[in-house]
Amino acid sequence: MDLKEKNLKFFEVNKLDHAFRGAEIENINSLLQLVYELDIYENLSMVALKLGLSFPEYDENEDMRVNITGLFHPAIKTPVKNDVSFDKDQNIIFLTGSNMAGKSSLLKSIGLVIYLAHLGFPVPATKMNTTIFNGLITTINLPDNISQGLSHYYNEVKRVKEVALKLSESNKLFIIFDELFRGTNVKDAFDASLLIISELSKIEQSAFFISTHIVELADDIKKFSNISFRYLETSFKENKPIFTYLLTNGVSKERIGMTIVLNEGIIDILKKATDKGNTPTTTLTLETE
């Protein structure tokens, strides 16, 4: 049959219409489904090649295990790659680092690779081998909840409670905490973090990635052999912080908060404001007849 539209007769068009909407509808839908899938696979392949992603390998071992080589965040143009691993013997990473060292970006990266891997998608890493987890829970940039009258701190407490309930119901969870209990004073944050981390250390078949500014916690939790201590390096050049974004074994000792404040010249600005406030002002008096 000549399928050029201008050469088709009425009965031929009617015959094709009957085939498309009747006799061959299931075959056509199957063909379209294959085309859609091919389009998805092609786009996945193009994105993976463009961003340098790789397909994860899955470990059938019953024990929890994750090995990631060359982890990076795909939204960063020139990312620094890091290696991260978890197993039942070291299932907690205690992450420290100064402000702007890249802790939150690293936590988002690890959350992203775990999520994508469980969708069967390529991940932002050079290589990844992982067991299958029963869930992923992240607590990053947790806000307050004005509509429910919940403060930032109470929202954090409720989130930790939700995590505890999930852990009581299931094993093999991957859990990320960014700055545990930062919504309260330092003493309460220290005590609450120490208490929670001490209890989490007893759970072997789940993985925990915990970041904090309270580096003093490290001295109290070093007794737990399943906690790995890592930090993001910061160095100084001409009194300015230089961030390497590289994971290093140990606990951060850098404190650059005051350095950043001083470098921004805030004190000089406030002194000028003080001087201006103390300068006598001239009052203009208008005389009327």
Protein backbone atom coordinates (compact mmCIF):
# COMPACT_ATOMS: atom_id res chain seq x y z
CA MET A 1 0.00 0.00 0.00
CA ASP A 2 1.29 3.47 -0.89
CA LEU A 3 1.16 5.32 2.47
CA LYS A 4 1.69 8.80 1.05
CA GLU A 5 -1.26 10.80 2.36
CA LYS A 6 -2.17 12.40 -0.94
CA ASN A 7 -2.28 8.99 -2.66
CA LEU A 8 -4.52 7.30 -0.09
CA LYS A 9 -8.12 6.60 -0.97
CA PHE A 10 -10.97 6.92 1.50
CA PHE A 11 -11.36 3.20 2.13
CA GLU A 12 -7.58 2.89 2.69
CA VAL A 13 -7.60 5.67 5.29
CA ASN A 14 -10.58 3.99 6.93
CA LYS A 15 -8.73 0.68 6.98
CA LEU A 16 -5.69 2.26 8.63
CA ASP A 17 -7.90 4.03 11.16
CA HIS A 18 -9.53 0.72 12.05
CA ALA A 19 -6.09 -0.85 12.55
CA PHE A 20 -4.70 2.01 14.65
CA ARG A 21 -7.72 2.33 16.94
CA GLY A 22 -8.94 -1.25 16.90
CA ALA A 23 -7.21 -4.42 15.77
CA GLU A 24 -3.61 -3.25 16.27
CA ILE A 25 -4.09 -0.93 19.27
CA GLU A 26 -2.32 -3.26 21.72
CA ASN A 27 0.65 -3.79 19.41
CA ILE A 28 0.93 -0.05 18.76
CA ASN A 29 0.82 0.72 22.49
CA SER A 30 3.53 -1.88 23.11
CA LEU A 31 5.66 -0.33 20.39
CA LEU A 32 5.16 3.16 21.84
CA GLN A 33 6.11 1.87 25.30
CA LEU A 34 9.37 0.52 23.89
CA VAL A 35 10.06 3.87 22.21
CA TYR A 36 9.41 5.72 25.50
CA GLU A 37 11.75 3.39 27.39
CA LEU A 38 14.44 3.76 24.73
CA ASP A 39 14.11 7.54 24.99
CA ILE A 40 14.57 7.39 28.79
CA TYR A 41 17.58 5.08 28.52
CA GLU A 42 19.16 7.31 25.89
CA ASN A 43 18.71 10.42 28.04
CA LEU A 44 20.07 8.64 31.12
CA SER A 45 23.11 7.60 29.13
CA MET A 46 23.68 11.13 27.82
CA VAL A 47 23.38 12.69 31.30
CA ALA A 48 25.67 10.03 32.81
CA LEU A 49 28.34 10.70 30.16
CA LYS A 50 28.00 14.48 30.44
CA LEU A 51 28.24 14.61 34.25
CA GLY A 52 30.61 11.69 34.75
CA LEU A 53 28.08 9.48 36.56
CA SER A 54 28.40 5.74 37.01
CA PHE A 55 25.97 2.88 37.57
CA PRO A 56 26.16 1.38 41.07
CA GLU A 57 26.85 -2.25 41.83
CA TYR A 58 24.63 -4.01 44.35
CA ASP A 59 25.94 -6.25 47.12
CA GLU A 60 23.71 -9.18 48.07
CA ASN A 61 25.51 -9.64 51.39
CA GLU A 62 23.08 -9.50 54.33
CA ASP A 63 25.39 -7.24 56.33
CA MET A 64 25.14 -3.49 55.68
CA ARG A 65 27.94 -2.22 53.47
CA VAL A 66 28.54 0.87 51.28
CA ASN A 67 31.69 1.78 49.38
CA ILE A 68 31.75 4.96 47.32
CA THR A 69 34.79 6.11 45.37
CA GLY A 70 34.97 9.61 43.90
CA LEU A 71 31.76 10.96 45.43
CA PHE A 72 30.80 14.45 44.21
CA HIS A 73 27.84 16.83 43.93
CA PRO A 74 26.60 17.06 40.31
CA ALA A 75 25.43 20.68 40.71
CA ILE A 76 28.99 21.89 41.44
CA LYS A 77 30.90 22.77 38.25
CA THR A 78 34.34 21.65 39.41
CA PRO A 79 33.62 19.34 42.35
CA VAL A 80 36.21 17.85 44.67
CA LYS A 81 35.74 14.07 44.88
CA ASN A 82 35.86 12.09 48.11
CA ASP A 83 35.74 8.44 49.15
CA VAL A 84 33.17 7.29 51.72
CA SER A 85 32.51 3.84 53.16
CA PHE A 86 30.31 2.20 55.79
CA ASP A 87 29.98 -1.32 57.17
CA LYS A 88 28.65 -2.91 60.35
CA ASP A 89 32.02 -2.46 62.08
CA GLN A 90 32.19 1.27 61.26
CA ASN A 91 28.66 2.37 60.50
CA ILE A 92 28.82 5.95 61.84
CA ILE A 93 30.75 8.85 60.33
CA PHE A 94 31.18 11.78 62.72
CA LEU A 95 31.88 14.74 60.43
CA THR A 96 33.39 18.02 61.62
CA GLY A 97 34.69 21.08 59.82
CA SER A 98 34.63 24.85 59.92
CA ASN A 99 31.94 27.08 58.50
CA MET A 100 31.82 26.94 54.68
CA ALA A 101 34.10 23.88 54.61
CA GLY A 102 31.48 21.95 52.62
CA LYS A 103 29.80 19.72 55.21
CA SER A 104 26.23 20.27 54.01
CA SER A 105 27.19 19.78 50.35
CA LEU A 106 28.89 16.50 51.25
CA LEU A 107 25.83 15.30 53.16
CA LYS A 108 23.58 16.21 50.23
CA SER A 109 25.93 14.32 47.90
CA ILE A 110 25.80 11.13 49.96
CA GLY A 111 22.03 11.37 50.28
CA LEU A 112 21.74 11.82 46.52
CA VAL A 113 23.85 8.77 45.62
CA ILE A 114 21.93 6.54 48.05
CA TYR A 115 18.60 7.75 46.66
CA LEU A 116 19.57 7.43 42.99
CA ALA A 117 21.18 4.03 43.53
CA HIS A 118 17.90 2.69 44.91
CA LEU A 119 16.08 3.96 41.82
CA GLY A 120 18.52 2.09 39.61
CA PHE A 121 19.86 5.37 38.23
CA PRO A 122 23.50 6.36 37.66
CA VAL A 123 25.09 8.13 40.62
CA PRO A 124 27.52 11.07 41.01
CA ALA A 125 30.54 8.94 41.88
CA THR A 126 33.37 7.17 40.09
CA LYS A 127 32.33 3.84 41.59
CA MET A 128 29.72 2.64 44.08
CA ASN A 129 28.98 -0.71 45.69
CA THR A 130 26.08 -0.91 48.14
CA THR A 131 23.70 -3.24 49.88
CA ILE A 132 20.00 -2.46 49.54
CA PHE A 133 18.66 -0.22 52.31
CA ASN A 134 15.09 -0.25 53.58
CA GLY A 135 14.92 3.53 53.81
CA LEU A 136 16.72 6.87 53.59
CA ILE A 137 16.11 9.62 56.16
CA THR A 138 17.77 13.03 55.88
CA THR A 139 17.70 15.98 58.26
CA ILE A 140 19.35 18.87 56.43
CA ASN A 141 18.42 22.55 56.90
CA LEU A 142 15.47 21.64 59.11
CA PRO A 143 13.29 24.77 59.58
CA ASP A 144 10.93 25.77 62.35
CA ASN A 145 7.19 25.27 61.84
CA ILE A 146 5.25 28.45 62.53
CA SER A 147 1.87 27.01 61.51
CA GLN A 148 2.15 24.29 64.18
CA GLY A 149 3.88 26.51 66.73
CA LEU A 150 7.05 24.42 66.69
CA SER A 151 10.41 26.05 67.37
CA HIS A 152 13.49 25.01 65.43
CA TYR A 153 14.74 22.97 68.39
CA TYR A 154 11.45 21.20 69.04
CA ASN A 155 11.19 20.40 65.33
CA GLU A 156 14.65 18.82 65.60
CA VAL A 157 13.59 16.76 68.61
CA LYS A 158 10.47 15.54 66.80
CA ARG A 159 12.56 14.60 63.77
CA VAL A 160 14.98 12.59 65.90
CA LYS A 161 11.99 10.87 67.51
CA GLU A 162 10.67 9.96 64.05
CA VAL A 163 14.06 8.47 63.19
CA ALA A 164 14.06 6.47 66.44
CA LEU A 165 10.60 5.09 65.64
CA LYS A 166 11.71 4.07 62.14
CA LEU A 167 14.78 2.35 63.58
CA SER A 168 12.57 0.44 66.02
CA GLU A 169 10.46 -0.80 63.10
CA SER A 170 13.14 -1.64 60.54
CA ASN A 171 16.85 -2.21 60.08
CA LYS A 172 19.22 -1.25 57.26
CA LEU A 173 18.30 2.45 57.18
CA PHE A 174 20.62 5.18 55.90
CA ILE A 175 20.29 8.25 58.10
CA ILE A 176 21.82 11.71 57.71
CA PHE A 177 21.90 14.33 60.46
CA ASP A 178 23.23 17.80 59.63
CA GLU A 179 24.10 19.66 62.85
CA LEU A 180 22.23 17.76 65.55
CA PHE A 181 20.30 20.08 67.90
CA ARG A 182 21.76 23.33 66.62
CA GLY A 183 18.52 25.10 67.56
CA THR A 184 19.36 25.23 71.26
CA ASN A 185 22.16 26.38 73.55
CA VAL A 186 25.58 24.75 73.39
CA LYS A 187 25.23 22.83 76.69
CA ASP A 188 21.90 21.24 75.79
CA ALA A 189 23.08 20.57 72.23
CA PHE A 190 26.19 18.82 73.58
CA ASP A 191 24.31 16.68 76.10
CA ALA A 192 21.49 15.75 73.70
CA SER A 193 23.90 14.93 70.86
CA LEU A 194 26.06 12.79 73.12
CA LEU A 195 23.03 10.89 74.38
CA ILE A 196 21.62 10.24 70.88
CA ILE A 197 24.96 9.28 69.29
CA SER A 198 25.72 6.93 72.19
CA GLU A 199 22.46 5.09 71.54
CA LEU A 200 22.89 5.09 67.75
CA SER A 201 26.32 3.48 68.19
CA LYS A 202 24.57 0.32 69.41
CA ILE A 203 22.69 -0.14 66.12
CA GLU A 204 24.92 -2.05 63.70
CA GLN A 205 22.79 -2.69 60.61
CA SER A 206 22.04 0.95 59.75
CA ALA A 207 24.39 3.68 58.54
CA PHE A 208 24.63 7.15 60.09
CA PHE A 209 26.31 10.27 58.70
CA ILE A 210 26.35 12.98 61.40
CA SER A 211 27.84 16.46 61.06
CA THR A 212 28.38 18.89 63.92
CA HIS A 213 30.16 22.06 64.98
CA ILE A 214 30.54 20.71 68.52
CA VAL A 215 33.96 19.13 68.07
CA GLU A 216 34.24 18.57 71.84
CA LEU A 217 31.83 15.66 71.42
CA ALA A 218 34.63 13.64 69.84
CA ASP A 219 36.43 13.17 73.18
CA ASP A 220 33.34 11.53 74.69
CA ILE A 221 32.47 9.22 71.79
CA LYS A 222 35.96 8.00 70.85
CA LYS A 223 35.30 4.96 73.04
CA PHE A 224 32.86 3.66 70.42
CA SER A 225 34.85 1.58 67.92
CA ASN A 226 32.20 1.78 65.19
CA ILE A 227 32.47 5.58 64.84
CA SER A 228 34.75 6.93 62.11
CA PHE A 229 35.98 10.50 62.63
CA ARG A 230 36.34 12.60 59.48
CA TYR A 231 36.69 16.31 58.83
CA LEU A 232 36.91 18.72 55.90
CA GLU A 233 40.23 20.51 55.76
CA THR A 234 40.67 24.27 56.04
CA SER A 235 43.96 26.15 55.81
CA PHE A 236 44.89 29.82 55.99
CA LYS A 237 46.74 32.04 53.52
CA GLU A 238 47.33 35.68 54.36
CA ASN A 239 44.75 35.41 57.14
CA LYS A 240 42.11 34.16 54.70
CA PRO A 241 40.60 30.66 54.90
CA ILE A 242 41.31 28.23 52.08
CA PHE A 243 38.87 25.32 51.73
CA THR A 244 40.12 22.07 50.18
CA TYR A 245 36.76 20.21 50.49
CA LEU A 246 38.79 17.04 51.07
CA LEU A 247 37.76 14.48 53.66
CA THR A 248 40.53 13.77 56.17
CA ASN A 249 40.72 11.33 59.05
CA GLY A 250 40.37 12.95 62.45
CA VAL A 251 38.53 15.86 64.06
CA SER A 252 38.66 19.48 62.89
CA LYS A 253 40.48 21.93 65.13
CA GLU A 254 39.93 24.98 62.95
CA ARG A 255 37.69 27.77 64.20
CA ILE A 256 37.24 30.42 61.55
CA GLY A 257 33.98 32.04 62.62
CA MET A 258 35.70 35.04 64.20
CA THR A 259 38.16 35.29 61.31
CA ILE A 260 35.27 35.64 58.86
CA VAL A 261 33.62 38.30 61.03
CA LEU A 262 36.86 40.31 61.28
CA ASN A 263 37.66 39.95 57.56
CA GLU A 264 34.25 41.40 56.67
CA GLY A 265 35.16 44.63 58.52
CA ILE A 266 31.99 44.59 60.61
CA ILE A 267 33.74 46.00 63.70
CA ASP A 268 35.08 49.00 61.76
CA ILE A 269 31.60 49.70 60.40
CA LEU A 270 30.08 49.53 63.88
CA LYS A 271 32.79 51.86 65.24
CA LYS A 272 31.93 54.39 62.53
CA ALA A 273 28.27 54.06 63.49
CA THR A 274 29.21 54.65 67.15
CA ASP A 275 31.29 57.72 66.28
CA LYS A 276 28.47 59.07 64.17
CA GLY A 277 26.02 58.54 67.01
CA ASN A 278 28.29 60.43 69.44
CA THR A 279 28.87 63.41 67.12
CA PRO A 280 26.99 66.51 68.32
CA THR A 281 24.24 67.48 65.94
CA THR A 282 23.26 71.02 64.98
CA THR A 283 19.68 71.96 65.62
CA LEU A 284 18.12 74.34 63.11
CA THR A 285 15.81 76.87 64.75
CA LEU A 286 13.36 78.83 62.68
CA GLU A 287 12.39 82.25 64.05
CA THR A 288 8.96 83.61 63.32
CA GLU A 289 7.79 87.16 63.64
